[in-house]
Amino acid sequence: MSNAPEDELEQALLEVRALIESTMAIHRDRSARSQQIATVDGGYLPVLRAAGTLIRGAVRTIDIVDARAPGPGGEEEPARSDRAERNLIYSAAEGVSVRLLARPGLVDEEFIREQLALERPVAIRVARVPPLQALLVDGTAALVVAESAAGVRASVIRVPEVLHTLGTLYESIWRNAVPAGERIVFGDRDRAALARQILGALRAGVTDEVAARELTVSVRTYRRHVAEIMALLGAQSRFQAGVRAAELGLLPAAATTDAAGGTRS
């Protein structure tokens, strides 16, 4: 039995998805008598409209899970319109608390920067969770978009048992998730690419001299970059920087080490 929190969370999420699917199957047979589950058909735009309706009707809390499934090549599948989805959040009433739980690779650095300038920013954390998109509002309704054997399915759920399970699970993941914010914003695309290369070198245990040569910078400059990255990640050691980078999904694909101590893909 694994004791890793992420393994326990993944198993819990899988159980929640199974609960949602079984509950939906039951309520499909009782559609004439119950409105506790409403399937959202028609693709992306109807789902976006349903999300907007729930967000604008929120009075206390909005909790969001953005953990879309990886694409065919293993990359995170891009949203139809990230900006359209993010703008929905801004339609929430004043005073509503908003939290966003994102899968590594789906963290929108521009959106993070926007939040840093706001008086009441969206709280954003990062965690490795199975593919799922969900919007929980006031503990009374949820919009869930999940993949199953039948394909992608979206539903507005008002079943108390499912909402309670989703809420409990969200709190558990949130407590173990890594806060996203100014510390993980490396800057422009070039600086972000350099940071990931350096993180890869640290993970592989490459010496400063070899890593600096591969990056065509001086050892002094390389060590300055390492210190800056550690500061951005809030790490007290290189090892801690590697652990935190892995939690945030910032590390590049693993590389092998050659006989000379260098790295190659």
Protein backbone atom coordinates (compact mmCIF):
# COMPACT_ATOMS: atom_id res chain seq x y z
CA MET A 1 0.00 0.00 0.00
CA SER A 2 1.40 3.39 -1.01
CA ASN A 3 1.63 6.12 1.60
CA ALA A 4 2.29 8.90 -0.90
CA PRO A 5 -0.36 11.65 -0.54
CA GLU A 6 -0.60 12.04 -4.32
CA ASP A 7 -1.33 8.30 -4.71
CA GLU A 8 -4.07 8.47 -2.09
CA LEU A 9 -5.55 11.56 -3.73
CA GLU A 10 -5.48 9.93 -7.15
CA GLN A 11 -7.31 6.87 -5.83
CA ALA A 12 -9.86 9.10 -4.13
CA LEU A 13 -10.45 11.05 -7.32
CA LEU A 14 -10.93 7.86 -9.29
CA GLU A 15 -13.50 6.75 -6.72
CA VAL A 16 -15.29 10.09 -7.02
CA ARG A 17 -15.41 9.78 -10.81
CA ALA A 18 -16.89 6.28 -10.44
CA LEU A 19 -19.46 7.63 -7.97
CA ILE A 20 -20.43 10.43 -10.35
CA GLU A 21 -20.81 8.04 -13.28
CA SER A 22 -22.89 5.54 -11.30
CA THR A 23 -25.08 8.32 -9.88
CA MET A 24 -25.60 9.74 -13.35
CA ALA A 25 -26.64 6.31 -14.63
CA ILE A 26 -29.21 6.00 -11.85
CA HIS A 27 -30.66 9.46 -12.42
CA ARG A 28 -30.88 9.02 -16.18
CA ASP A 29 -33.52 6.38 -15.42
CA ARG A 30 -35.41 8.85 -13.20
CA SER A 31 -35.07 11.97 -15.35
CA ALA A 32 -38.82 12.62 -15.27
CA ARG A 33 -38.83 12.78 -11.47
CA SER A 34 -35.51 14.31 -10.58
CA GLN A 35 -33.50 17.33 -11.64
CA GLN A 36 -30.54 16.60 -9.39
CA ILE A 37 -28.35 15.79 -12.37
CA ALA A 38 -28.66 17.64 -15.66
CA THR A 39 -26.50 16.53 -18.60
CA VAL A 40 -24.99 19.40 -20.59
CA ASP A 41 -25.07 18.45 -24.25
CA GLY A 42 -23.87 20.31 -27.33
CA GLY A 43 -20.13 20.61 -26.75
CA TYR A 44 -17.90 23.35 -25.41
CA LEU A 45 -20.12 26.46 -25.63
CA PRO A 46 -23.05 25.02 -23.65
CA VAL A 47 -20.60 23.90 -20.96
CA LEU A 48 -19.13 27.41 -20.88
CA ARG A 49 -22.61 28.91 -20.53
CA ALA A 50 -23.49 26.49 -17.72
CA ALA A 51 -20.28 27.42 -15.90
CA GLY A 52 -21.07 31.13 -16.29
CA THR A 53 -24.55 30.68 -14.86
CA LEU A 54 -23.20 28.86 -11.78
CA ILE A 55 -20.40 31.38 -11.23
CA ARG A 56 -22.69 34.41 -11.48
CA GLY A 57 -25.10 32.78 -9.04
CA ALA A 58 -22.43 32.03 -6.40
CA VAL A 59 -22.81 33.84 -3.07
CA ARG A 60 -20.00 32.37 -0.95
CA THR A 61 -17.45 30.09 -2.62
CA ILE A 62 -16.28 28.92 -6.02
CA ASP A 63 -13.82 26.01 -6.18
CA ILE A 64 -12.39 25.02 -9.56
CA VAL A 65 -10.40 21.97 -10.69
CA ASP A 66 -8.56 22.41 -13.99
CA ALA A 67 -7.01 19.02 -14.76
CA ARG A 68 -7.76 18.42 -18.41
CA ALA A 69 -6.60 15.15 -19.95
CA PRO A 70 -3.16 15.04 -21.66
CA GLY A 71 -3.28 15.15 -25.45
CA PRO A 72 -2.20 12.28 -27.73
CA GLY A 73 1.45 13.31 -27.48
CA GLY A 74 1.42 13.40 -23.70
CA GLU A 75 1.07 17.20 -23.55
CA GLU A 76 -1.77 18.86 -21.71
CA GLU A 77 -4.73 19.38 -24.01
CA PRO A 78 -5.27 23.13 -24.56
CA ALA A 79 -8.64 24.62 -23.76
CA ARG A 80 -10.84 25.92 -26.54
CA SER A 81 -10.38 29.38 -25.05
CA ASP A 82 -8.37 29.80 -21.85
CA ARG A 83 -9.18 33.50 -21.78
CA ALA A 84 -12.93 32.91 -22.10
CA GLU A 85 -12.79 30.47 -19.19
CA ARG A 86 -10.69 32.79 -17.02
CA ASN A 87 -12.98 35.76 -17.76
CA LEU A 88 -15.91 33.80 -16.33
CA ILE A 89 -14.19 33.92 -12.95
CA TYR A 90 -14.26 37.72 -13.05
CA SER A 91 -18.06 37.61 -13.37
CA ALA A 92 -18.39 36.31 -9.80
CA ALA A 93 -20.08 38.62 -7.32
CA GLU A 94 -17.91 40.76 -5.06
CA GLY A 95 -16.97 38.97 -1.86
CA VAL A 96 -17.16 35.45 -3.32
CA SER A 97 -14.04 33.42 -2.47
CA VAL A 98 -12.50 31.76 -5.54
CA ARG A 99 -9.93 28.94 -5.52
CA LEU A 100 -8.35 27.32 -8.56
CA LEU A 101 -6.63 23.93 -8.38
CA ALA A 102 -4.57 23.32 -11.54
CA ARG A 103 -2.74 20.33 -12.92
CA PRO A 104 1.00 20.91 -13.58
CA GLY A 105 1.40 22.12 -17.15
CA LEU A 106 -1.92 23.97 -17.04
CA VAL A 107 -0.75 26.82 -14.81
CA ASP A 108 -1.42 30.06 -16.69
CA GLU A 109 1.45 32.36 -15.73
CA GLU A 110 -0.27 35.41 -17.26
CA PHE A 111 -3.33 34.72 -15.12
CA ILE A 112 -1.10 34.41 -12.03
CA ARG A 113 0.44 37.80 -12.77
CA GLU A 114 -3.05 39.30 -13.08
CA GLN A 115 -3.97 37.97 -9.64
CA LEU A 116 -0.90 39.52 -8.03
CA ALA A 117 -2.27 42.96 -8.90
CA LEU A 118 -5.76 42.37 -7.50
CA GLU A 119 -7.05 43.24 -4.04
CA ARG A 120 -9.00 39.94 -3.86
CA PRO A 121 -7.03 37.53 -6.06
CA VAL A 122 -8.01 34.03 -7.05
CA ALA A 123 -6.09 31.57 -4.84
CA ILE A 124 -4.19 29.19 -7.11
CA ARG A 125 -2.49 25.92 -6.21
CA VAL A 126 -0.92 23.12 -8.23
CA ALA A 127 -1.36 19.35 -7.74
CA ARG A 128 -1.04 16.19 -9.78
CA VAL A 129 -4.57 14.85 -10.14
CA PRO A 130 -6.23 12.52 -12.66
CA PRO A 131 -7.99 14.13 -15.66
CA LEU A 132 -11.03 16.03 -14.42
CA GLN A 133 -12.60 19.46 -14.73
CA ALA A 134 -14.98 20.58 -12.04
CA LEU A 135 -16.65 23.72 -10.72
CA LEU A 136 -18.11 23.62 -7.21
CA VAL A 137 -20.34 26.50 -6.13
CA ASP A 138 -21.44 27.16 -2.52
CA GLY A 139 -21.46 23.42 -1.83
CA THR A 140 -24.88 23.25 -3.50
CA ALA A 141 -24.04 22.61 -7.16
CA ALA A 142 -21.18 21.36 -9.29
CA LEU A 143 -20.41 21.29 -12.98
CA VAL A 144 -18.28 18.23 -13.71
CA VAL A 145 -16.60 17.43 -17.01
CA ALA A 146 -15.07 13.95 -16.94
CA GLU A 147 -13.96 11.33 -19.41
CA SER A 148 -15.48 7.86 -19.34
CA ALA A 149 -15.84 4.86 -21.61
CA ALA A 150 -18.66 6.75 -23.30
CA GLY A 151 -16.45 9.77 -23.97
CA VAL A 152 -16.38 13.24 -22.44
CA ARG A 153 -19.46 13.93 -20.35
CA ALA A 154 -20.55 17.20 -18.70
CA SER A 155 -23.23 17.46 -16.04
CA VAL A 156 -24.58 19.92 -13.49
CA ILE A 157 -24.89 17.94 -10.27
CA ARG A 158 -26.99 18.79 -7.21
CA VAL A 159 -26.91 15.37 -5.52
CA PRO A 160 -25.96 16.06 -1.85
CA GLU A 161 -23.90 12.87 -1.46
CA VAL A 162 -21.80 13.59 -4.55
CA LEU A 163 -21.36 17.26 -3.62
CA HIS A 164 -20.21 16.32 -0.12
CA THR A 165 -17.68 13.85 -1.52
CA LEU A 166 -16.38 16.36 -4.06
CA GLY A 167 -16.07 19.07 -1.42
CA THR A 168 -14.23 16.82 1.01
CA LEU A 169 -11.86 15.65 -1.71
CA TYR A 170 -11.20 19.21 -2.87
CA GLU A 171 -10.22 20.27 0.64
CA SER A 172 -7.88 17.29 0.95
CA ILE A 173 -6.14 18.03 -2.37
CA TRP A 174 -5.98 21.75 -1.61
CA ARG A 175 -4.17 21.17 1.69
CA ASN A 176 -1.49 19.08 -0.05
CA ALA A 177 -1.19 21.23 -3.18
CA VAL A 178 1.66 23.64 -3.89
CA PRO A 179 0.77 27.35 -3.92
CA ALA A 180 1.28 28.95 -7.30
CA GLY A 181 2.28 32.57 -7.42
CA GLU A 182 5.12 34.95 -7.96
CA ARG A 183 7.68 32.37 -6.91
CA ILE A 184 7.08 30.12 -9.95
CA VAL A 185 6.93 32.85 -12.58
CA PHE A 186 10.38 32.75 -14.15
CA GLY A 187 9.74 35.62 -16.55
CA ASP A 188 9.72 35.51 -20.33
CA ARG A 189 9.85 32.35 -22.46
CA ASP A 190 13.67 32.37 -22.79
CA ARG A 191 14.24 32.70 -19.04
CA ALA A 192 11.69 29.97 -18.35
CA ALA A 193 13.45 27.64 -20.83
CA LEU A 194 16.83 28.36 -19.20
CA ALA A 195 15.38 27.70 -15.75
CA ARG A 196 14.05 24.32 -16.86
CA GLN A 197 17.41 23.37 -18.36
CA ILE A 198 19.13 24.24 -15.10
CA LEU A 199 16.55 22.31 -13.08
CA GLY A 200 17.17 19.32 -15.35
CA ALA A 201 20.92 19.59 -14.74
CA LEU A 202 20.37 19.76 -10.97
CA ARG A 203 18.15 16.70 -11.08
CA ALA A 204 20.72 14.76 -13.11
CA GLY A 205 23.50 15.67 -10.68
CA VAL A 206 25.59 17.30 -13.40
CA THR A 207 28.55 19.27 -12.09
CA ASP A 208 28.41 23.05 -12.29
CA GLU A 209 31.33 23.06 -14.69
CA VAL A 210 29.71 20.61 -17.14
CA ALA A 211 26.29 22.29 -16.89
CA ALA A 212 27.79 25.74 -17.48
CA ARG A 213 29.65 24.47 -20.54
CA GLU A 214 26.49 22.91 -21.99
CA LEU A 215 24.60 26.18 -21.45
CA THR A 216 27.55 28.20 -22.84
CA VAL A 217 27.79 30.41 -19.76
CA SER A 218 30.50 30.87 -17.15
CA VAL A 219 30.44 28.78 -13.98
CA ARG A 220 29.91 31.98 -12.00
CA THR A 221 26.91 32.94 -14.12
CA TYR A 222 25.50 29.41 -13.87
CA ARG A 223 25.76 29.45 -10.08
CA ARG A 224 24.05 32.85 -9.99
CA HIS A 225 21.18 31.41 -12.04
CA VAL A 226 20.95 28.44 -9.66
CA ALA A 227 20.75 30.80 -6.67
CA GLU A 228 18.02 32.86 -8.36
CA ILE A 229 15.96 29.75 -9.16
CA MET A 230 16.30 28.48 -5.60
CA ALA A 231 15.06 31.86 -4.35
CA LEU A 232 12.09 31.80 -6.76
CA LEU A 233 11.15 28.30 -5.56
CA GLY A 234 11.65 29.19 -1.91
CA ALA A 235 14.20 26.36 -1.61
CA GLN A 236 16.98 26.20 0.95
CA SER A 237 19.01 23.62 -0.97
CA ARG A 238 19.46 22.34 -4.51
CA PHE A 239 17.74 19.09 -3.55
CA GLN A 240 14.75 20.98 -2.16
CA ALA A 241 14.62 23.04 -5.35
CA GLY A 242 14.41 19.82 -7.38
CA VAL A 243 11.63 18.44 -5.19
CA ARG A 244 9.61 21.64 -5.39
CA ALA A 245 10.15 21.89 -9.16
CA ALA A 246 8.88 18.32 -9.56
CA GLU A 247 5.78 19.14 -7.49
CA LEU A 248 5.07 22.08 -9.79
CA GLY A 249 5.65 20.08 -12.96
CA LEU A 250 8.53 22.37 -13.98
CA LEU A 251 11.15 19.73 -14.74
CA PRO A 252 11.87 18.80 -18.37
CA ALA A 253 11.73 15.21 -19.60
CA ALA A 254 14.30 13.00 -17.87
CA ALA A 255 17.70 12.82 -19.52
CA THR A 256 20.35 10.11 -19.38
CA THR A 257 23.89 10.73 -18.27
CA ASP A 258 26.83 9.92 -20.52
CA ALA A 259 30.21 8.59 -19.43
CA ALA A 260 31.72 12.06 -19.24
CA GLY A 261 29.10 13.24 -16.75
CA GLY A 262 27.08 15.24 -19.28
CA THR A 263 23.49 14.75 -20.25
CA ARG A 264 21.66 13.82 -23.38
CA SER A 265 18.01 13.27 -24.26
